Amino acid sequence: METAKHYIDGAWLNSVAGREDIRNVLDPATSEPAARFAEGAVADAQAAVAAAKHAFHETPWRQSPRVRGDVLLAFASRLEEKKDLIADWLVTVNGKLKREALGEIMVGISELRFYAGLARTQFGRIIEVEPGCYSSLDREPAGVAAIILPWNAPVALLIRSLAPALAAGCTVVIKPAHQTSMVNNLVLECLVDDPRLPCGVVNSVIESGSDVSRFLCESPDVDVISFTGSTHVGKLIAESSAKTLKRLSLELGGKAPALVFDDCDMDKTVAGIVGGALVIAGQQCTAISRVLVADSIYEDFSGRLANALKNVRLGPGQDPQSQMGCLIDLRNRDRIAGLVDQAAQDEKLLVRGDIPTGPLARGAFIHPSLVEVQNLDSPLIQQELFGPLLVIERFGSESEAVARANASRYSLASSVWTRDGLKARRVAAKLKFGTVWSNTHNKLFAEAETGGYGDSGYGKLHGIEGMNDFLQTKHFYFETNV
């Protein structure tokens, strides 16, 4: 089996100290070993941060926007050339469908090309505040950025932080999820072989625990933390980073509601909600997890949705007939199964998603479930479940729909389903979510910023604002009449 290694100061290695701690990564569809990774330690993180700090201060990287743009464009081209190989690995270690894997990689390629252009357009501004007296506001890279990643979308989530960080002129230390570290390495290979990239600008340290992440948060030599993951871990990162007052970009948990009004296109809405809910088997922070339906169509709509969920075809990611892949591991499969068992006791279960028998039983597969809940205090509504378990609720009026949707600390994404464009816009203005889609869901792209409120974090990713966390403004004052 191939082994994912650390990348520190221009070299692939198992450890800076020569230690050998090699561990297995399982294919979640079969529970069989698929790859290996080198377990990192604090010493590896220290070396990576030192290399990034040296590269930031001692190489011309931060002063070379044209080079940075060209490097990102070349990175995008190499990634496109290797997309099939990387997608196959992504299916193997993550369990998602092949089309989901390819789509994710293409999102990353688009992101790289977008920020390649922005690398050459970071202008400051200047003003004459009094006769002969000038204030120059210069945009500068923030310094060393640490990127801490989850396993669910390791290509897209890496690049949406890495691309703006490099475009801004920062140097980086990446801490990928160990489950998808092979994918992380294959992506980085498309970048780090570029001779225009100085050693130390990009570094990566793998770990399955939290010591490396904790060091990155506490180190005074790390200036920015960009983290995607759970709200619980995000709060720990904020706490650990407080002592050094470093800048944070946190995209955390989600509990995305879909508000279904009685004038929606029923067939398109059912199909859109199934697709929006079951992306990566529901293991996406923007995936639909709550379906709020108008009373007047509730019985008809809930029946159609239940029927659609019952007919979703489970299967391995490489099978083009599969409509939903597996979860990341057996522990999470069993966690979802336990939530379904509890829901069967406490609520009305419209669709019970069981663990399949036969060949799929060896993997982390579970059929989607649908549970009817009306109590807003229910954990099924208030907690992020991160799996193919949907909650369906009913509402009597537009104001009640908005109030129910907003009755959550998670405020990352939502969608409104109606033929009335004015209603969609009116409702969107009242929803306390960082993104609201109309008659669709999960439309994410490089040009448009995303980010949440409340327990879904802060800071923006994608778009022009996605670079803000990696830039700082310096005020230089000078006089010409002295």
Protein backbone atom coordinates (compact mmCIF):
# COMPACT_ATOMS: atom_id res chain seq x y z
CA MET A 1 0.00 0.00 0.00
CA GLU A 2 1.08 3.55 -0.65
CA THR A 3 1.97 5.77 2.28
CA ALA A 4 1.03 9.42 2.68
CA LYS A 5 3.92 11.44 4.07
CA HIS A 6 4.52 14.87 5.52
CA TYR A 7 5.83 17.61 3.25
CA ILE A 8 8.19 19.96 5.10
CA ASP A 9 10.56 22.53 3.65
CA GLY A 10 10.55 21.00 0.18
CA ALA A 11 10.87 17.33 1.17
CA TRP A 12 8.52 14.36 1.60
CA LEU A 13 9.30 12.47 4.81
CA ASN A 14 7.87 10.24 7.49
CA SER A 15 9.25 12.33 10.35
CA VAL A 16 11.75 15.10 10.93
CA ALA A 17 13.18 13.03 13.78
CA GLY A 18 13.48 9.78 11.81
CA ARG A 19 10.74 8.07 13.81
CA GLU A 20 8.48 5.56 12.06
CA ASP A 21 4.81 5.57 13.05
CA ILE A 22 2.94 4.30 9.98
CA ARG A 23 -0.80 3.63 10.29
CA ASN A 24 -3.51 2.23 8.05
CA VAL A 25 -6.37 4.02 6.32
CA LEU A 26 -9.46 1.90 5.66
CA ASP A 27 -11.68 1.93 2.60
CA PRO A 28 -15.05 2.80 4.21
CA ALA A 29 -16.95 0.83 1.56
CA THR A 30 -15.22 -2.43 2.50
CA SER A 31 -13.55 -1.74 5.87
CA GLU A 32 -10.33 -3.12 4.36
CA PRO A 33 -6.94 -1.33 4.49
CA ALA A 34 -6.51 0.91 1.44
CA ALA A 35 -3.49 3.10 2.23
CA ARG A 36 -1.16 4.17 5.01
CA PHE A 37 -0.06 7.46 6.51
CA ALA A 38 2.83 8.73 8.60
CA GLU A 39 1.57 9.86 12.00
CA GLY A 40 2.84 13.33 12.79
CA ALA A 41 4.10 14.82 16.04
CA VAL A 42 4.72 18.27 17.46
CA ALA A 43 8.33 18.16 16.24
CA ASP A 44 7.06 17.83 12.67
CA ALA A 45 4.73 20.78 13.16
CA GLN A 46 7.53 22.86 14.64
CA ALA A 47 9.73 22.16 11.63
CA ALA A 48 6.89 23.00 9.23
CA VAL A 49 6.12 26.30 10.95
CA ALA A 50 9.80 27.23 11.04
CA ALA A 51 10.11 26.49 7.31
CA ALA A 52 7.01 28.55 6.53
CA LYS A 53 8.23 31.49 8.64
CA HIS A 54 11.64 31.42 6.96
CA ALA A 55 10.09 31.28 3.48
CA PHE A 56 7.81 34.20 4.28
CA HIS A 57 10.60 36.48 5.47
CA GLU A 58 13.59 35.30 3.43
CA THR A 59 12.22 34.50 -0.05
CA PRO A 60 10.63 36.84 -2.60
CA TRP A 61 7.32 34.92 -2.54
CA ARG A 62 5.29 37.58 -0.72
CA GLN A 63 6.55 40.28 -3.09
CA SER A 64 5.89 38.38 -6.36
CA PRO A 65 2.19 38.52 -7.28
CA ARG A 66 2.77 37.61 -10.93
CA VAL A 67 4.72 34.52 -9.95
CA ARG A 68 2.02 33.56 -7.46
CA GLY A 69 -0.67 33.89 -10.11
CA ASP A 70 1.31 31.81 -12.61
CA VAL A 71 2.01 29.11 -10.01
CA LEU A 72 -1.71 28.85 -9.19
CA LEU A 73 -2.60 28.57 -12.89
CA ALA A 74 -0.04 25.80 -13.38
CA PHE A 75 -1.37 24.09 -10.25
CA ALA A 76 -4.87 24.12 -11.74
CA SER A 77 -3.66 22.61 -15.02
CA ARG A 78 -1.74 19.80 -13.31
CA LEU A 79 -4.70 19.05 -11.08
CA GLU A 80 -6.94 18.79 -14.11
CA GLU A 81 -4.51 16.38 -15.75
CA LYS A 82 -4.56 14.12 -12.67
CA LYS A 83 -8.24 14.48 -11.81
CA ASP A 84 -9.20 10.88 -12.64
CA LEU A 85 -6.43 9.38 -10.51
CA ILE A 86 -7.21 11.69 -7.59
CA ALA A 87 -10.95 11.05 -7.93
CA ASP A 88 -10.37 7.29 -7.74
CA TRP A 89 -8.37 7.73 -4.55
CA LEU A 90 -11.01 10.04 -3.14
CA VAL A 91 -13.67 7.38 -3.70
CA THR A 92 -11.42 4.76 -2.10
CA VAL A 93 -10.57 6.60 1.13
CA ASN A 94 -13.69 8.72 1.52
CA GLY A 95 -16.47 6.53 0.11
CA LYS A 96 -18.21 9.22 -1.94
CA LEU A 97 -19.53 8.69 -5.44
CA LYS A 98 -17.14 9.05 -8.40
CA ARG A 99 -19.23 11.89 -9.84
CA GLU A 100 -19.08 13.68 -6.48
CA ALA A 101 -15.32 13.23 -6.38
CA LEU A 102 -14.83 14.59 -9.91
CA GLY A 103 -17.18 17.48 -9.19
CA GLU A 104 -15.21 18.36 -6.08
CA ILE A 105 -11.93 18.41 -7.99
CA MET A 106 -13.39 20.61 -10.72
CA VAL A 107 -14.54 23.03 -8.01
CA GLY A 108 -10.94 23.18 -6.78
CA ILE A 109 -9.63 23.83 -10.28
CA SER A 110 -12.07 26.71 -10.74
CA GLU A 111 -11.03 28.13 -7.36
CA LEU A 112 -7.35 28.07 -8.30
CA ARG A 113 -7.97 29.95 -11.53
CA PHE A 114 -10.12 32.53 -9.79
CA TYR A 115 -7.49 33.33 -7.16
CA ALA A 116 -4.72 33.28 -9.74
CA GLY A 117 -6.37 36.36 -11.18
CA LEU A 118 -6.85 38.00 -7.79
CA ALA A 119 -3.17 37.49 -6.97
CA ARG A 120 -2.38 40.22 -9.53
CA THR A 121 -5.15 42.62 -8.54
CA GLN A 122 -4.55 43.31 -4.85
CA PHE A 123 -4.31 47.08 -4.92
CA GLY A 124 -4.08 49.40 -1.94
CA ARG A 125 -5.26 53.00 -1.98
CA ILE A 126 -3.87 56.46 -1.31
CA ILE A 127 -5.44 59.72 -0.22
CA GLU A 128 -4.17 63.27 0.20
CA VAL A 129 -5.64 64.13 3.60
CA GLU A 130 -4.27 67.69 3.65
CA PRO A 131 -2.20 69.67 1.13
CA GLY A 132 1.01 67.69 0.61
CA CYS A 133 0.06 65.10 3.27
CA TYR A 134 -0.65 61.58 2.09
CA SER A 135 -1.91 58.35 3.61
CA SER A 136 -1.00 55.19 1.73
CA LEU A 137 -2.97 52.03 2.67
CA ASP A 138 -0.97 49.01 1.58
CA ARG A 139 -2.37 45.48 1.43
CA GLU A 140 0.15 42.95 2.71
CA PRO A 141 0.10 39.17 3.31
CA ALA A 142 -0.68 38.27 6.91
CA GLY A 143 2.21 35.81 7.35
CA VAL A 144 2.11 32.08 8.11
CA ALA A 145 -1.33 30.52 7.67
CA ALA A 146 -2.33 27.14 9.12
CA ILE A 147 -5.07 25.25 7.27
CA ILE A 148 -6.79 22.53 9.33
CA LEU A 149 -9.02 20.26 7.28
CA PRO A 150 -11.76 17.63 7.68
CA TRP A 151 -12.16 14.45 5.60
CA ASN A 152 -15.48 15.04 3.86
CA ALA A 153 -14.31 17.23 0.94
CA PRO A 154 -10.52 17.21 1.20
CA VAL A 155 -9.79 18.67 -2.24
CA ALA A 156 -12.31 21.52 -2.34
CA LEU A 157 -11.84 22.49 1.30
CA LEU A 158 -8.05 22.48 0.98
CA ILE A 159 -7.99 24.62 -2.14
CA ARG A 160 -10.59 27.14 -1.03
CA SER A 161 -8.20 28.14 1.80
CA LEU A 162 -4.87 27.35 0.13
CA ALA A 163 -5.58 29.30 -3.07
CA PRO A 164 -6.39 32.66 -1.40
CA ALA A 165 -3.57 32.20 1.12
CA LEU A 166 -1.00 31.70 -1.64
CA ALA A 167 -2.55 34.41 -3.82
CA ALA A 168 -2.21 36.84 -0.92
CA GLY A 169 1.47 35.95 -0.48
CA CYS A 170 1.20 33.91 2.72
CA THR A 171 3.12 30.74 3.42
CA VAL A 172 1.17 27.77 4.75
CA VAL A 173 1.17 24.72 6.98
CA ILE A 174 -1.59 22.24 6.16
CA LYS A 175 -2.97 19.73 8.64
CA PRO A 176 -5.08 17.31 6.57
CA ALA A 177 -7.42 14.68 7.94
CA HIS A 178 -5.54 11.41 8.22
CA GLN A 179 -8.37 9.49 6.51
CA THR A 180 -7.86 11.43 3.27
CA SER A 181 -4.15 12.20 3.57
CA MET A 182 -3.36 10.25 0.37
CA VAL A 183 -5.64 12.59 -1.55
CA ASN A 184 -4.02 15.60 0.11
CA ASN A 185 -0.59 14.38 -1.02
CA LEU A 186 -1.70 13.78 -4.60
CA VAL A 187 -3.13 17.28 -4.78
CA LEU A 188 0.01 18.85 -3.32
CA GLU A 189 2.16 16.96 -5.81
CA CYS A 190 0.44 19.02 -8.50
CA LEU A 191 1.82 22.16 -6.81
CA VAL A 192 5.09 21.57 -5.03
CA ASP A 193 7.09 20.32 -8.01
CA ASP A 194 6.83 23.80 -9.55
CA PRO A 195 10.41 25.21 -9.47
CA ARG A 196 9.02 28.73 -8.98
CA LEU A 197 7.64 27.76 -5.56
CA PRO A 198 10.32 28.37 -2.89
CA CYS A 199 10.92 25.63 -0.35
CA GLY A 200 8.94 26.23 2.81
CA VAL A 201 6.08 28.13 1.20
CA VAL A 202 3.87 25.02 1.39
CA ASN A 203 4.13 22.44 4.16
CA SER A 204 1.87 19.61 5.33
CA VAL A 205 1.81 17.53 8.53
CA ILE A 206 -0.56 14.58 8.98
CA GLU A 207 -1.93 13.44 12.32
CA SER A 208 -4.84 11.43 13.65
CA GLY A 209 -4.88 13.16 17.03
CA SER A 210 -4.85 16.80 18.06
CA ASP A 211 -1.29 17.64 19.20
CA VAL A 212 -0.26 19.14 15.86
CA SER A 213 -3.44 21.20 15.62
CA ARG A 214 -3.01 22.44 19.17
CA PHE A 215 0.57 23.50 18.46
CA LEU A 216 -0.53 25.40 15.33
CA CYS A 217 -3.18 27.23 17.35
CA GLU A 218 -0.83 28.15 20.17
CA SER A 219 2.31 29.00 18.18
CA PRO A 220 3.10 32.74 18.05
CA ASP A 221 4.70 32.10 14.64
CA VAL A 222 1.35 31.20 13.07
CA ASP A 223 -0.61 34.30 12.09
CA VAL A 224 -3.83 32.84 10.64
CA ILE A 225 -5.86 29.70 11.28
CA SER A 226 -8.32 28.58 8.59
CA PHE A 227 -10.41 25.71 9.92
CA THR A 228 -13.33 23.74 8.53
CA GLY A 229 -15.00 21.24 10.83
CA SER A 230 -17.31 20.79 13.78
CA THR A 231 -18.49 23.61 16.01
CA HIS A 232 -17.08 21.82 19.06
CA VAL A 233 -13.56 21.70 17.62
CA GLY A 234 -13.91 25.23 16.25
CA LYS A 235 -14.58 26.57 19.73
CA LEU A 236 -11.54 24.69 21.06
CA ILE A 237 -9.44 26.27 18.29
CA ALA A 238 -10.75 29.73 19.17
CA GLU A 239 -9.89 29.13 22.81
CA SER A 240 -6.39 27.82 22.03
CA SER A 241 -5.67 30.68 19.64
CA ALA A 242 -6.81 33.42 22.01
CA LYS A 243 -3.45 33.66 23.78
CA THR A 244 -1.69 34.75 20.58
CA LEU A 245 -4.64 36.73 19.14
CA LYS A 246 -4.17 35.21 15.72
CA ARG A 247 -6.72 35.72 12.99
CA LEU A 248 -9.34 32.98 12.63
CA SER A 249 -11.52 31.83 9.76
CA LEU A 250 -13.95 29.19 11.00
CA GLU A 251 -16.51 27.37 8.89
CA LEU A 252 -18.27 25.14 11.37
CA GLY A 253 -21.39 23.02 11.70
CA GLY A 254 -24.61 23.40 9.77
CA LYS A 255 -28.27 22.46 10.10
CA ALA A 256 -29.56 23.62 6.74
CA PRO A 257 -33.35 23.98 6.46
CA ALA A 258 -35.28 23.79 3.20
CA LEU A 259 -38.50 25.86 3.36
CA VAL A 260 -41.12 24.30 1.07
CA PHE A 261 -44.12 26.50 0.27
CA ASP A 262 -47.42 25.34 -1.17
CA ASP A 263 -46.76 26.93 -4.58
CA CYS A 264 -43.55 25.00 -5.22
CA ASP A 265 -42.99 22.69 -8.19
CA MET A 266 -43.59 19.49 -6.25
CA ASP A 267 -41.60 17.07 -8.39
CA LYS A 268 -38.58 19.35 -8.81
CA THR A 269 -38.60 20.23 -5.12
CA VAL A 270 -38.61 16.59 -3.99
CA ALA A 271 -35.75 15.79 -6.36
CA GLY A 272 -33.84 18.90 -5.29
CA ILE A 273 -34.20 18.11 -1.61
CA VAL A 274 -33.10 14.49 -2.03
CA GLY A 275 -30.02 15.66 -3.93
CA GLY A 276 -29.31 18.48 -1.49
CA ALA A 277 -29.68 16.22 1.53
CA LEU A 278 -27.78 13.15 0.42
CA VAL A 279 -24.67 14.78 -1.06
CA ILE A 280 -21.69 12.83 0.35
CA ALA A 281 -24.29 10.73 2.21
CA GLY A 282 -25.35 13.82 4.15
CA GLN A 283 -21.80 14.43 5.40
CA GLN A 284 -21.59 18.04 4.27
CA CYS A 285 -22.11 21.07 6.48
CA THR A 286 -24.42 22.71 3.92
CA ALA A 287 -26.46 19.55 3.21
CA ILE A 288 -30.21 19.82 3.81
CA SER A 289 -31.03 18.30 7.20
CA ARG A 290 -34.41 19.95 7.96
CA VAL A 291 -37.38 20.07 5.59
CA LEU A 292 -40.06 22.60 6.58
CA VAL A 293 -43.29 22.05 4.65
CA ALA A 294 -46.49 24.12 4.40
CA ASP A 295 -49.49 22.51 6.11
CA SER A 296 -51.64 22.54 2.98
CA ILE A 297 -49.27 20.23 1.07
CA TYR A 298 -47.65 18.43 3.98
CA GLU A 299 -49.27 15.01 3.58
CA ASP A 300 -48.73 14.87 -0.18
CA PHE A 301 -45.20 16.23 -0.04
CA SER A 302 -44.02 14.09 2.89
CA GLY A 303 -45.35 10.98 1.13
CA ARG A 304 -43.51 11.82 -2.08
CA LEU A 305 -40.30 12.61 -0.22
CA ALA A 306 -40.53 9.39 1.79
CA ASN A 307 -41.02 7.37 -1.38
CA ALA A 308 -38.05 9.05 -3.07
CA LEU A 309 -35.79 8.34 -0.09
CA LYS A 310 -36.87 4.70 0.03
CA ASN A 311 -35.82 4.30 -3.60
CA VAL A 312 -32.33 5.76 -3.27
CA ARG A 313 -29.85 3.16 -4.47
CA LEU A 314 -26.88 2.59 -2.17
CA GLY A 315 -23.62 1.38 -3.61
CA PRO A 316 -19.87 1.82 -3.91
CA GLY A 317 -18.63 5.06 -5.35
CA GLN A 318 -17.18 3.53 -8.52
CA ASP A 319 -20.55 2.04 -9.53
CA PRO A 320 -22.27 4.56 -11.86
CA GLN A 321 -25.65 3.17 -10.75
CA SER A 322 -25.05 4.18 -7.12
CA GLN A 323 -27.07 7.17 -5.95
CA MET A 324 -25.52 7.43 -2.48
CA GLY A 325 -22.23 6.16 -1.15
CA CYS A 326 -21.19 5.18 2.35
CA LEU A 327 -20.32 7.12 5.47
CA ILE A 328 -16.70 7.71 6.42
CA ASP A 329 -16.46 4.71 8.79
CA LEU A 330 -18.40 2.07 10.71
CA ARG A 331 -18.43 4.16 13.87
CA ASN A 332 -20.37 6.93 12.13
CA ARG A 333 -22.66 4.42 10.42
CA ASP A 334 -23.51 2.92 13.80
CA ARG A 335 -23.95 6.40 15.30
CA ILE A 336 -26.58 7.24 12.69
CA ALA A 337 -28.24 3.86 13.19
CA GLY A 338 -28.46 4.61 16.92
CA LEU A 339 -30.08 7.99 16.23
CA VAL A 340 -32.63 6.28 13.99
CA ASP A 341 -33.43 3.74 16.72
CA GLN A 342 -33.95 6.56 19.23
CA ALA A 343 -36.11 8.51 16.78
CA ALA A 344 -38.31 5.44 16.32
CA GLN A 345 -39.06 5.58 20.05
CA ASP A 346 -39.47 9.35 20.47
CA GLU A 347 -40.89 10.59 17.16
CA LYS A 348 -42.82 9.49 14.07
CA LEU A 349 -40.46 7.68 11.73
CA LEU A 350 -41.64 8.02 8.12
CA VAL A 351 -38.66 6.20 6.59
CA ARG A 352 -36.38 3.92 8.57
CA GLY A 353 -32.95 3.65 7.02
CA ASP A 354 -31.42 0.30 7.90
CA ILE A 355 -27.91 -1.03 7.52
CA PRO A 356 -27.97 -3.15 4.35
CA THR A 357 -27.31 -6.86 4.27
CA GLY A 358 -25.09 -8.67 1.79
CA PRO A 359 -21.80 -7.29 0.45
CA LEU A 360 -22.57 -3.70 1.51
CA ALA A 361 -22.85 -4.79 5.15
CA ARG A 362 -19.04 -4.84 5.40
CA GLY A 363 -18.88 -1.12 4.68
CA ALA A 364 -20.23 2.01 6.31
CA PHE A 365 -23.50 1.98 4.33
CA ILE A 366 -26.89 2.93 5.73
CA HIS A 367 -30.12 3.81 3.95
CA PRO A 368 -31.51 7.35 4.37
CA SER A 369 -34.13 8.03 7.03
CA LEU A 370 -36.94 10.59 7.43
CA VAL A 371 -38.40 11.48 10.82
CA GLU A 372 -41.27 13.82 11.61
CA VAL A 373 -40.47 16.25 14.44
CA GLN A 374 -42.37 19.32 15.62
CA ASN A 375 -40.74 20.12 18.98
CA LEU A 376 -38.05 22.72 18.27
CA ASP A 377 -36.14 21.63 21.38
CA SER A 378 -35.60 18.14 19.96
CA PRO A 379 -31.92 17.19 19.53
CA LEU A 380 -32.84 16.04 16.04
CA ILE A 381 -33.53 19.69 15.19
CA GLN A 382 -30.92 21.39 17.35
CA GLN A 383 -27.89 19.15 16.79
CA GLU A 384 -25.86 18.57 13.65
CA LEU A 385 -26.35 14.89 12.72
CA PHE A 386 -23.97 14.72 9.72
CA GLY A 387 -25.48 11.79 7.92
CA PRO A 388 -28.48 10.66 5.82
CA LEU A 389 -31.08 11.41 8.51
CA LEU A 390 -33.62 14.10 7.56
CA VAL A 391 -36.09 15.84 9.83
CA ILE A 392 -39.42 17.00 8.38
CA GLU A 393 -41.51 19.71 10.06
CA ARG A 394 -44.73 21.52 9.18
CA PHE A 395 -45.61 25.22 9.28
CA GLY A 396 -48.84 27.17 8.90
CA SER A 397 -47.66 30.57 7.70
CA GLU A 398 -44.69 32.33 6.16
CA SER A 399 -43.77 33.93 9.46
CA GLU A 400 -43.89 30.58 11.24
CA ALA A 401 -41.67 29.04 8.57
CA VAL A 402 -39.07 31.76 9.09
CA ALA A 403 -39.30 31.52 12.88
CA ARG A 404 -38.85 27.74 12.83
CA ALA A 405 -35.94 27.92 10.42
CA ASN A 406 -34.20 30.54 12.55
CA ALA A 407 -34.71 28.58 15.79
CA SER A 408 -31.16 27.21 15.66
CA ARG A 409 -27.64 28.30 16.54
CA TYR A 410 -26.47 26.88 13.20
CA SER A 411 -26.76 29.47 10.46
CA LEU A 412 -24.62 28.35 7.54
CA ALA A 413 -27.01 27.67 4.65
CA SER A 414 -30.68 27.31 3.75
CA SER A 415 -33.01 27.17 0.75
CA VAL A 416 -36.47 28.42 -0.18
CA TRP A 417 -38.72 26.48 -2.59
CA THR A 418 -41.48 28.49 -4.25
CA ARG A 419 -42.59 29.69 -7.70
CA ASP A 420 -43.04 33.20 -6.29
CA GLY A 421 -39.75 35.07 -6.77
CA LEU A 422 -40.81 37.99 -4.56
CA LYS A 423 -41.69 35.58 -1.74
CA ALA A 424 -38.31 33.87 -2.08
CA ARG A 425 -36.52 37.22 -1.81
CA ARG A 426 -38.69 38.37 1.10
CA VAL A 427 -38.16 35.16 3.06
CA ALA A 428 -34.41 35.14 2.31
CA ALA A 429 -34.09 38.61 3.84
CA LYS A 430 -35.55 37.29 7.10
CA LEU A 431 -33.54 34.07 7.31
CA LYS A 432 -30.47 34.29 9.54
CA PHE A 433 -28.22 32.20 7.33
CA GLY A 434 -25.04 33.06 5.48
CA THR A 435 -26.40 31.57 2.24
CA VAL A 436 -29.97 31.24 0.99
CA TRP A 437 -30.67 29.41 -2.29
CA SER A 438 -33.92 29.67 -4.24
CA ASN A 439 -35.33 26.44 -5.75
CA THR A 440 -31.96 24.74 -5.54
CA HIS A 441 -29.36 23.82 -2.94
CA ASN A 442 -25.57 23.47 -2.56
CA LYS A 443 -24.66 25.81 -5.41
CA LEU A 444 -21.13 26.77 -4.33
CA PHE A 445 -18.57 28.42 -6.58
CA ALA A 446 -15.38 30.45 -6.47
CA GLU A 447 -16.90 33.84 -7.24
CA ALA A 448 -19.45 33.94 -4.40
CA GLU A 449 -18.55 34.23 -0.73
CA THR A 450 -19.95 31.75 1.78
CA GLY A 451 -19.85 31.64 5.55
CA GLY A 452 -22.14 31.32 8.54
CA TYR A 453 -23.36 33.10 11.62
CA GLY A 454 -23.61 31.93 15.22
CA ASP A 455 -22.36 28.40 15.83
CA SER A 456 -21.62 28.03 12.12
CA GLY A 457 -18.53 30.19 12.54
CA TYR A 458 -17.22 33.44 11.10
CA GLY A 459 -15.12 34.71 8.23
CA LYS A 460 -15.79 34.20 4.54
CA LEU A 461 -14.55 31.63 2.05
CA HIS A 462 -14.59 31.93 -1.75
CA GLY A 463 -14.87 35.23 -3.57
CA ILE A 464 -12.93 38.44 -3.08
CA GLU A 465 -13.63 38.43 0.66
CA GLY A 466 -12.05 34.99 0.90
CA MET A 467 -8.64 36.69 0.72
CA ASN A 468 -9.35 39.11 3.56
CA ASP A 469 -8.31 36.69 6.28
CA PHE A 470 -4.92 36.30 4.63
CA LEU A 471 -4.26 40.03 4.13
CA GLN A 472 -3.64 42.95 6.43
CA THR A 473 -3.57 46.70 5.81
CA LYS A 474 -0.58 48.89 6.61
CA HIS A 475 -0.98 52.67 6.88
CA PHE A 476 2.02 54.67 5.65
CA TYR A 477 1.88 58.45 6.13
CA PHE A 478 4.20 60.86 4.33
CA GLU A 479 4.47 64.56 3.53
CA THR A 480 5.83 66.16 0.37
CA ASN A 481 5.97 69.76 1.53
CA VAL A 482 8.72 69.43 4.12
